[in-house]
Amino acid sequence: MHNKNSWVCPVCGFNSLDEPPYDEEGCATFSICPCCGNEFGYDDASAKYSKLRKKWIEEGMVWWSETQPPPANWDPIEQLKRADMAD
């Protein structure tokens, strides 16, 4: 799941991750999604993506990163819809 050298977060649908959540051999990259804050190989080691997504939604879909700002006109609901993750 990548788009022009970026990858999609399987938790929140953010489509501009700098590296994949898991490499080609299935090993976690331990990268962190700047949108939802999920650390691949840590947070998803004990919870399914759907559960992590539900938690992010219930907590208000707040942009997680304090150092990387959200994209211009960022809309978490539209992001989920584009990724086909909206209920």
PDB file of N, CA and C in Angstrom:
ATOM      1  N   MET A   1       0.828  -1.186   0.000  1.00  0.00           N
ATOM      2  CA  MET A   1       0.000   0.000   0.000  1.00  0.00           C
ATOM      3  C   MET A   1       0.874   1.252   0.000  1.00  0.00           C
ATOM      4  N   HIS A   2       1.326   1.646  -1.151  1.00  0.00           N
ATOM      5  CA  HIS A   2       2.103   2.868  -1.186  1.00  0.00           C
ATOM      6  C   HIS A   2       1.710   3.718  -2.374  1.00  0.00           C
ATOM      7  N   ASN A   3       2.051   4.975  -2.279  1.00  0.00           N
ATOM      8  CA  ASN A   3       1.646   5.948  -3.271  1.00  0.00           C
ATOM      9  C   ASN A   3       2.803   6.924  -3.479  1.00  0.00           C
ATOM     10  N   LYS A   4       3.528   6.792  -4.591  1.00  0.00           N
ATOM     11  CA  LYS A   4       4.623   7.708  -4.911  1.00  0.00           C
ATOM     12  C   LYS A   4       5.625   7.807  -3.769  1.00  0.00           C
ATOM     13  N   ASN A   5       6.209   6.691  -3.394  1.00  0.00           N
ATOM     14  CA  ASN A   5       7.220   6.632  -2.334  1.00  0.00           C
ATOM     15  C   ASN A   5       6.678   7.000  -0.956  1.00  0.00           C
ATOM     16  N   SER A   6       5.397   6.817  -0.759  1.00  0.00           N
ATOM     17  CA  SER A   6       4.810   6.981   0.570  1.00  0.00           C
ATOM     18  C   SER A   6       3.865   5.808   0.795  1.00  0.00           C
ATOM     19  N   TRP A   7       3.576   5.549   2.034  1.00  0.00           N
ATOM     20  CA  TRP A   7       2.754   4.403   2.401  1.00  0.00           C
ATOM     21  C   TRP A   7       1.560   4.851   3.217  1.00  0.00           C
ATOM     22  N   VAL A   8       0.538   4.002   3.247  1.00  0.00           N
ATOM     23  CA  VAL A   8      -0.709   4.305   3.947  1.00  0.00           C
ATOM     24  C   VAL A   8      -0.703   3.649   5.333  1.00  0.00           C
ATOM     25  N   CYS A   9      -1.105   4.414   6.328  1.00  0.00           N
ATOM     26  CA  CYS A   9      -1.231   3.876   7.678  1.00  0.00           C
ATOM     27  C   CYS A   9      -2.462   2.978   7.729  1.00  0.00           C
ATOM     28  N   PRO A  10      -2.289   1.720   8.148  1.00  0.00           N
ATOM     29  CA  PRO A  10      -3.436   0.811   8.233  1.00  0.00           C
ATOM     30  C   PRO A  10      -4.368   1.109   9.403  1.00  0.00           C
ATOM     31  N   VAL A  11      -3.998   2.053  10.246  1.00  0.00           N
ATOM     32  CA  VAL A  11      -4.850   2.431  11.375  1.00  0.00           C
ATOM     33  C   VAL A  11      -5.754   3.594  11.003  1.00  0.00           C
ATOM     34  N   CYS A  12      -5.175   4.683  10.486  1.00  0.00           N
ATOM     35  CA  CYS A  12      -5.953   5.904  10.255  1.00  0.00           C
ATOM     36  C   CYS A  12      -6.106   6.292   8.787  1.00  0.00           C
ATOM     37  N   GLY A  13      -5.399   5.617   7.896  1.00  0.00           N
ATOM     38  CA  GLY A  13      -5.526   5.929   6.478  1.00  0.00           C
ATOM     39  C   GLY A  13      -4.643   7.069   5.996  1.00  0.00           C
ATOM     40  N   PHE A  14      -3.797   7.617   6.855  1.00  0.00           N
ATOM     41  CA  PHE A  14      -2.875   8.673   6.429  1.00  0.00           C
ATOM     42  C   PHE A  14      -1.998   8.104   5.320  1.00  0.00           C
ATOM     43  N   ASN A  15      -1.971   8.781   4.169  1.00  0.00           N
ATOM     44  CA  ASN A  15      -1.322   8.191   3.004  1.00  0.00           C
ATOM     45  C   ASN A  15       0.043   8.776   2.664  1.00  0.00           C
ATOM     46  N   SER A  16       0.739   9.307   3.648  1.00  0.00           N
ATOM     47  CA  SER A  16       2.054   9.888   3.386  1.00  0.00           C
ATOM     48  C   SER A  16       3.109   9.439   4.385  1.00  0.00           C
ATOM     49  N   LEU A  17       3.053   8.174   4.788  1.00  0.00           N
ATOM     50  CA  LEU A  17       4.111   7.658   5.662  1.00  0.00           C
ATOM     51  C   LEU A  17       5.419   7.621   4.874  1.00  0.00           C
ATOM     52  N   ASP A  18       6.522   7.939   5.532  1.00  0.00           N
ATOM     53  CA  ASP A  18       7.823   7.955   4.873  1.00  0.00           C
ATOM     54  C   ASP A  18       8.377   6.560   4.619  1.00  0.00           C
ATOM     55  N   GLU A  19       7.938   5.591   5.391  1.00  0.00           N
ATOM     56  CA  GLU A  19       8.384   4.214   5.203  1.00  0.00           C
ATOM     57  C   GLU A  19       7.224   3.277   5.516  1.00  0.00           C
ATOM     58  N   PRO A  20       7.291   2.059   5.018  1.00  0.00           N
ATOM     59  CA  PRO A  20       6.180   1.137   5.262  1.00  0.00           C
ATOM     60  C   PRO A  20       6.110   0.733   6.732  1.00  0.00           C
ATOM     61  N   PRO A  21       4.932   0.372   7.206  1.00  0.00           N
ATOM     62  CA  PRO A  21       4.809  -0.110   8.587  1.00  0.00           C
ATOM     63  C   PRO A  21       5.647  -1.378   8.820  1.00  0.00           C
ATOM     64  N   TYR A  22       5.693  -2.227   7.810  1.00  0.00           N
ATOM     65  CA  TYR A  22       6.457  -3.470   7.867  1.00  0.00           C
ATOM     66  C   TYR A  22       7.252  -3.592   6.581  1.00  0.00           C
ATOM     67  N   ASP A  23       8.470  -4.150   6.672  1.00  0.00           N
ATOM     68  CA  ASP A  23       9.277  -4.301   5.463  1.00  0.00           C
ATOM     69  C   ASP A  23       8.813  -5.510   4.654  1.00  0.00           C
ATOM     70  N   GLU A  24       9.479  -5.771   3.553  1.00  0.00           N
ATOM     71  CA  GLU A  24       9.075  -6.846   2.648  1.00  0.00           C
ATOM     72  C   GLU A  24       9.149  -8.226   3.292  1.00  0.00           C
ATOM     73  N   GLU A  25       9.934  -8.362   4.335  1.00  0.00           N
ATOM     74  CA  GLU A  25      10.060  -9.642   5.042  1.00  0.00           C
ATOM     75  C   GLU A  25       9.079  -9.757   6.202  1.00  0.00           C
ATOM     76  N   GLY A  26       8.268  -8.717   6.408  1.00  0.00           N
ATOM     77  CA  GLY A  26       7.272  -8.740   7.472  1.00  0.00           C
ATOM     78  C   GLY A  26       7.770  -8.255   8.819  1.00  0.00           C
ATOM     79  N   CYS A  27       8.963  -7.658   8.831  1.00  0.00           N
ATOM     80  CA  CYS A  27       9.505  -7.134  10.086  1.00  0.00           C
ATOM     81  C   CYS A  27       9.031  -5.700  10.298  1.00  0.00           C
ATOM     82  N   ALA A  28       8.649  -5.395  11.512  1.00  0.00           N
ATOM     83  CA  ALA A  28       8.179  -4.050  11.846  1.00  0.00           C
ATOM     84  C   ALA A  28       9.293  -3.032  11.664  1.00  0.00           C
ATOM     85  N   THR A  29       8.938  -1.869  11.149  1.00  0.00           N
ATOM     86  CA  THR A  29       9.908  -0.790  10.984  1.00  0.00           C
ATOM     87  C   THR A  29       9.982   0.083  12.241  1.00  0.00           C
ATOM     88  N   PHE A  30       9.036  -0.073  13.140  1.00  0.00           N
ATOM     89  CA  PHE A  30       8.930   0.733  14.358  1.00  0.00           C
ATOM     90  C   PHE A  30       8.805   2.217  14.040  1.00  0.00           C
ATOM     91  N   SER A  31       8.332   2.513  12.819  1.00  0.00           N
ATOM     92  CA  SER A  31       8.048   3.903  12.468  1.00  0.00           C
ATOM     93  C   SER A  31       6.745   4.305  13.155  1.00  0.00           C
ATOM     94  N   ILE A  32       6.530   5.583  13.271  1.00  0.00           N
ATOM     95  CA  ILE A  32       5.346   6.112  13.947  1.00  0.00           C
ATOM     96  C   ILE A  32       4.555   6.962  12.974  1.00  0.00           C
ATOM     97  N   CYS A  33       3.265   6.711  12.898  1.00  0.00           N
ATOM     98  CA  CYS A  33       2.395   7.514  12.045  1.00  0.00           C
ATOM     99  C   CYS A  33       2.235   8.891  12.681  1.00  0.00           C
ATOM    100  N   PRO A  34       2.548   9.963  11.948  1.00  0.00           N
ATOM    101  CA  PRO A  34       2.404  11.298  12.534  1.00  0.00           C
ATOM    102  C   PRO A  34       0.946  11.696  12.760  1.00  0.00           C
ATOM    103  N   CYS A  35       0.039  11.008  12.099  1.00  0.00           N
ATOM    104  CA  CYS A  35      -1.372  11.341  12.231  1.00  0.00           C
ATOM    105  C   CYS A  35      -1.986  10.733  13.491  1.00  0.00           C
ATOM    106  N   CYS A  36      -1.921   9.401  13.613  1.00  0.00           N
ATOM    107  CA  CYS A  36      -2.585   8.741  14.745  1.00  0.00           C
ATOM    108  C   CYS A  36      -1.624   8.342  15.867  1.00  0.00           C
ATOM    109  N   GLY A  37      -0.331   8.367  15.601  1.00  0.00           N
ATOM    110  CA  GLY A  37       0.653   8.041  16.631  1.00  0.00           C
ATOM    111  C   GLY A  37       0.937   6.569  16.801  1.00  0.00           C
ATOM    112  N   ASN A  38       0.367   5.712  15.950  1.00  0.00           N
ATOM    113  CA  ASN A  38       0.623   4.281  16.062  1.00  0.00           C
ATOM    114  C   ASN A  38       2.082   3.976  15.732  1.00  0.00           C
ATOM    115  N   GLU A  39       2.744   3.217  16.611  1.00  0.00           N
ATOM    116  CA  GLU A  39       4.105   2.747  16.347  1.00  0.00           C
ATOM    117  C   GLU A  39       3.998   1.302  15.873  1.00  0.00           C
ATOM    118  N   PHE A  40       4.414   1.081  14.624  1.00  0.00           N
ATOM    119  CA  PHE A  40       4.299  -0.242  14.019  1.00  0.00           C
ATOM    120  C   PHE A  40       5.316  -1.194  14.624  1.00  0.00           C
ATOM    121  N   GLY A  41       4.805  -2.315  15.115  1.00  0.00           N
ATOM    122  CA  GLY A  41       5.631  -3.287  15.800  1.00  0.00           C
ATOM    123  C   GLY A  41       5.502  -3.165  17.310  1.00  0.00           C
ATOM    124  N   TYR A  42       4.888  -2.092  17.770  1.00  0.00           N
ATOM    125  CA  TYR A  42       4.675  -1.908  19.203  1.00  0.00           C
ATOM    126  C   TYR A  42       3.179  -1.859  19.495  1.00  0.00           C
ATOM    127  N   ASP A  43       2.516  -0.773  19.071  1.00  0.00           N
ATOM    128  CA  ASP A  43       1.081  -0.625  19.356  1.00  0.00           C
ATOM    129  C   ASP A  43       0.259  -1.730  18.701  1.00  0.00           C
ATOM    130  N   ASP A  44       0.625  -2.103  17.485  1.00  0.00           N
ATOM    131  CA  ASP A  44      -0.156  -3.113  16.770  1.00  0.00           C
ATOM    132  C   ASP A  44       0.274  -4.540  17.083  1.00  0.00           C
ATOM    133  N   ALA A  45       1.208  -4.696  18.010  1.00  0.00           N
ATOM    134  CA  ALA A  45       1.635  -6.040  18.413  1.00  0.00           C
ATOM    135  C   ALA A  45       0.586  -6.697  19.311  1.00  0.00           C
ATOM    136  N   SER A  46      -0.212  -5.883  19.985  1.00  0.00           N
ATOM    137  CA  SER A  46      -1.194  -6.444  20.920  1.00  0.00           C
ATOM    138  C   SER A  46      -2.628  -6.021  20.621  1.00  0.00           C
ATOM    139  N   ALA A  47      -2.829  -5.292  19.525  1.00  0.00           N
ATOM    140  CA  ALA A  47      -4.189  -4.846  19.172  1.00  0.00           C
ATOM    141  C   ALA A  47      -4.338  -4.823  17.657  1.00  0.00           C
ATOM    142  N   LYS A  48      -5.520  -5.158  17.200  1.00  0.00           N
ATOM    143  CA  LYS A  48      -5.811  -5.121  15.765  1.00  0.00           C
ATOM    144  C   LYS A  48      -5.941  -3.672  15.311  1.00  0.00           C
ATOM    145  N   TYR A  49      -5.693  -3.472  14.010  1.00  0.00           N
ATOM    146  CA  TYR A  49      -5.810  -2.128  13.447  1.00  0.00           C
ATOM    147  C   TYR A  49      -7.192  -1.545  13.700  1.00  0.00           C
ATOM    148  N   SER A  50      -8.218  -2.362  13.578  1.00  0.00           N
ATOM    149  CA  SER A  50      -9.582  -1.855  13.778  1.00  0.00           C
ATOM    150  C   SER A  50      -9.783  -1.335  15.205  1.00  0.00           C
ATOM    151  N   LYS A  51      -9.185  -1.998  16.174  1.00  0.00           N
ATOM    152  CA  LYS A  51      -9.303  -1.558  17.567  1.00  0.00           C
ATOM    153  C   LYS A  51      -8.523  -0.256  17.780  1.00  0.00           C
ATOM    154  N   LEU A  52      -7.332  -0.172  17.188  1.00  0.00           N
ATOM    155  CA  LEU A  52      -6.539   1.050  17.301  1.00  0.00           C
ATOM    156  C   LEU A  52      -7.242   2.215  16.604  1.00  0.00           C
ATOM    157  N   ARG A  53      -7.867   1.933  15.454  1.00  0.00           N
ATOM    158  CA  ARG A  53      -8.609   2.955  14.721  1.00  0.00           C
ATOM    159  C   ARG A  53      -9.786   3.452  15.563  1.00  0.00           C
ATOM    160  N   LYS A  54     -10.526   2.525  16.141  1.00  0.00           N
ATOM    161  CA  LYS A  54     -11.679   2.887  16.971  1.00  0.00           C
ATOM    162  C   LYS A  54     -11.245   3.778  18.129  1.00  0.00           C
ATOM    163  N   LYS A  55     -10.131   3.455  18.749  1.00  0.00           N
ATOM    164  CA  LYS A  55      -9.615   4.250  19.866  1.00  0.00           C
ATOM    165  C   LYS A  55      -9.258   5.661  19.393  1.00  0.00           C
ATOM    166  N   TRP A  56      -8.576   5.756  18.243  1.00  0.00           N
ATOM    167  CA  TRP A  56      -8.197   7.063  17.694  1.00  0.00           C
ATOM    168  C   TRP A  56      -9.445   7.900  17.402  1.00  0.00           C
ATOM    169  N   ILE A  57     -10.459   7.278  16.825  1.00  0.00           N
ATOM    170  CA  ILE A  57     -11.708   7.969  16.518  1.00  0.00           C
ATOM    171  C   ILE A  57     -12.399   8.422  17.806  1.00  0.00           C
ATOM    172  N   GLU A  58     -12.497   7.530  18.779  1.00  0.00           N
ATOM    173  CA  GLU A  58     -13.154   7.866  20.051  1.00  0.00           C
ATOM    174  C   GLU A  58     -12.440   8.985  20.794  1.00  0.00           C
ATOM    175  N   GLU A  59     -11.121   9.103  20.565  1.00  0.00           N
ATOM    176  CA  GLU A  59     -10.352  10.156  21.237  1.00  0.00           C
ATOM    177  C   GLU A  59     -10.353  11.464  20.449  1.00  0.00           C
ATOM    178  N   GLY A  60     -11.157  11.527  19.393  1.00  0.00           N
ATOM    179  CA  GLY A  60     -11.359  12.778  18.674  1.00  0.00           C
ATOM    180  C   GLY A  60     -10.564  12.954  17.397  1.00  0.00           C
ATOM    181  N   MET A  61      -9.872  11.918  16.935  1.00  0.00           N
ATOM    182  CA  MET A  61      -9.103  11.965  15.680  1.00  0.00           C
ATOM    183  C   MET A  61      -8.142  13.154  15.657  1.00  0.00           C
ATOM    184  N   VAL A  62      -7.445  13.360  16.734  1.00  0.00           N
ATOM    185  CA  VAL A  62      -6.511  14.474  16.870  1.00  0.00           C
ATOM    186  C   VAL A  62      -5.207  14.138  16.153  1.00  0.00           C
ATOM    187  N   TRP A  63      -4.637  15.118  15.447  1.00  0.00           N
ATOM    188  CA  TRP A  63      -3.326  14.943  14.810  1.00  0.00           C
ATOM    189  C   TRP A  63      -2.310  14.721  15.910  1.00  0.00           C
ATOM    190  N   TRP A  64      -1.530  13.657  15.822  1.00  0.00           N
ATOM    191  CA  TRP A  64      -0.652  13.235  16.909  1.00  0.00           C
ATOM    192  C   TRP A  64       0.674  13.996  16.982  1.00  0.00           C
ATOM    193  N   SER A  65       1.340  14.173  15.857  1.00  0.00           N
ATOM    194  CA  SER A  65       2.695  14.734  15.852  1.00  0.00           C
ATOM    195  C   SER A  65       2.720  16.198  16.271  1.00  0.00           C
ATOM    196  N   GLU A  66       3.659  16.506  17.137  1.00  0.00           N
ATOM    197  CA  GLU A  66       3.861  17.890  17.546  1.00  0.00           C
ATOM    198  C   GLU A  66       4.930  18.560  16.689  1.00  0.00           C
ATOM    199  N   THR A  67       5.682  17.777  15.910  1.00  0.00           N
ATOM    200  CA  THR A  67       6.758  18.332  15.086  1.00  0.00           C
ATOM    201  C   THR A  67       6.419  18.361  13.599  1.00  0.00           C
ATOM    202  N   GLN A  68       5.562  17.477  13.150  1.00  0.00           N
ATOM    203  CA  GLN A  68       5.142  17.450  11.749  1.00  0.00           C
ATOM    204  C   GLN A  68       3.692  17.906  11.688  1.00  0.00           C
ATOM    205  N   PRO A  69       3.439  19.060  11.086  1.00  0.00           N
ATOM    206  CA  PRO A  69       2.062  19.550  11.027  1.00  0.00           C
ATOM    207  C   PRO A  69       1.217  18.727  10.060  1.00  0.00           C
ATOM    208  N   PRO A  70      -0.096  18.741  10.260  1.00  0.00           N
ATOM    209  CA  PRO A  70      -0.966  18.028   9.320  1.00  0.00           C
ATOM    210  C   PRO A  70      -0.924  18.698   7.949  1.00  0.00           C
ATOM    211  N   PRO A  71      -1.265  17.942   6.910  1.00  0.00           N
ATOM    212  CA  PRO A  71      -1.330  18.546   5.577  1.00  0.00           C
ATOM    213  C   PRO A  71      -2.353  19.689   5.553  1.00  0.00           C
ATOM    214  N   ALA A  72      -2.171  20.597   4.621  1.00  0.00           N
ATOM    215  CA  ALA A  72      -3.121  21.702   4.471  1.00  0.00           C
ATOM    216  C   ALA A  72      -4.523  21.141   4.265  1.00  0.00           C
ATOM    217  N   ASN A  73      -5.477  21.741   4.926  1.00  0.00           N
ATOM    218  CA  ASN A  73      -6.886  21.334   4.831  1.00  0.00           C
ATOM    219  C   ASN A  73      -7.119  19.886   5.242  1.00  0.00           C
ATOM    220  N   TRP A  74      -6.321  19.387   6.157  1.00  0.00           N
ATOM    221  CA  TRP A  74      -6.444  18.004   6.620  1.00  0.00           C
ATOM    222  C   TRP A  74      -7.812  17.765   7.246  1.00  0.00           C
ATOM    223  N   ASP A  75      -8.455  16.696   6.838  1.00  0.00           N
ATOM    224  CA  ASP A  75      -9.771  16.322   7.343  1.00  0.00           C
ATOM    225  C   ASP A  75      -9.733  14.828   7.662  1.00  0.00           C
ATOM    226  N   PRO A  76      -9.712  14.466   8.943  1.00  0.00           N
ATOM    227  CA  PRO A  76      -9.586  13.053   9.294  1.00  0.00           C
ATOM    228  C   PRO A  76     -10.739  12.186   8.796  1.00  0.00           C
ATOM    229  N   ILE A  77     -11.924  12.740   8.712  1.00  0.00           N
ATOM    230  CA  ILE A  77     -13.070  11.954   8.229  1.00  0.00           C
ATOM    231  C   ILE A  77     -12.909  11.654   6.747  1.00  0.00           C
ATOM    232  N   GLU A  78     -12.504  12.642   5.972  1.00  0.00           N
ATOM    233  CA  GLU A  78     -12.261  12.414   4.537  1.00  0.00           C
ATOM    234  C   GLU A  78     -11.100  11.446   4.335  1.00  0.00           C
ATOM    235  N   GLN A  79     -10.099  11.546   5.192  1.00  0.00           N
ATOM    236  CA  GLN A  79      -8.952  10.636   5.124  1.00  0.00           C
ATOM    237  C   GLN A  79      -9.411   9.188   5.311  1.00  0.00           C
ATOM    238  N   LEU A  80     -10.247   8.958   6.305  1.00  0.00           N
ATOM    239  CA  LEU A  80     -10.777   7.617   6.547  1.00  0.00           C
ATOM    240  C   LEU A  80     -11.626   7.138   5.372  1.00  0.00           C
ATOM    241  N   LYS A  81     -12.412   8.034   4.805  1.00  0.00           N
ATOM    242  CA  LYS A  81     -13.257   7.667   3.655  1.00  0.00           C
ATOM    243  C   LYS A  81     -12.394   7.283   2.457  1.00  0.00           C
ATOM    244  N   ARG A  82     -11.363   8.083   2.153  1.00  0.00           N
ATOM    245  CA  ARG A  82     -10.487   7.792   1.018  1.00  0.00           C
ATOM    246  C   ARG A  82      -9.794   6.445   1.185  1.00  0.00           C
ATOM    247  N   ALA A  83      -9.474   6.092   2.411  1.00  0.00           N
ATOM    248  CA  ALA A  83      -8.797   4.832   2.696  1.00  0.00           C
ATOM    249  C   ALA A  83      -9.807   3.681   2.867  1.00  0.00           C
ATOM    250  N   ASP A  84     -11.085   3.972   2.671  1.00  0.00           N
ATOM    251  CA  ASP A  84     -12.160   2.996   2.844  1.00  0.00           C
ATOM    252  C   ASP A  84     -12.162   2.403   4.263  1.00  0.00           C
ATOM    253  N   MET A  85     -11.950   3.294   5.242  1.00  0.00           N
ATOM    254  CA  MET A  85     -11.914   2.882   6.642  1.00  0.00           C
ATOM    255  C   MET A  85     -13.030   3.502   7.462  1.00  0.00           C
ATOM    256  N   ALA A  86     -13.856   4.321   6.844  1.00  0.00           N
ATOM    257  CA  ALA A  86     -14.945   4.980   7.576  1.00  0.00           C
ATOM    258  C   ALA A  86     -16.090   3.987   7.769  1.00  0.00           C
ATOM    259  N   ASP A  87     -16.748   4.096   8.895  1.00  0.00           N
ATOM    260  CA  ASP A  87     -17.902   3.221   9.173  1.00  0.00           C
ATOM    261  C   ASP A  87     -19.111   3.672   8.427  1.00  0.00           C
TER     262      ASP A  87
END
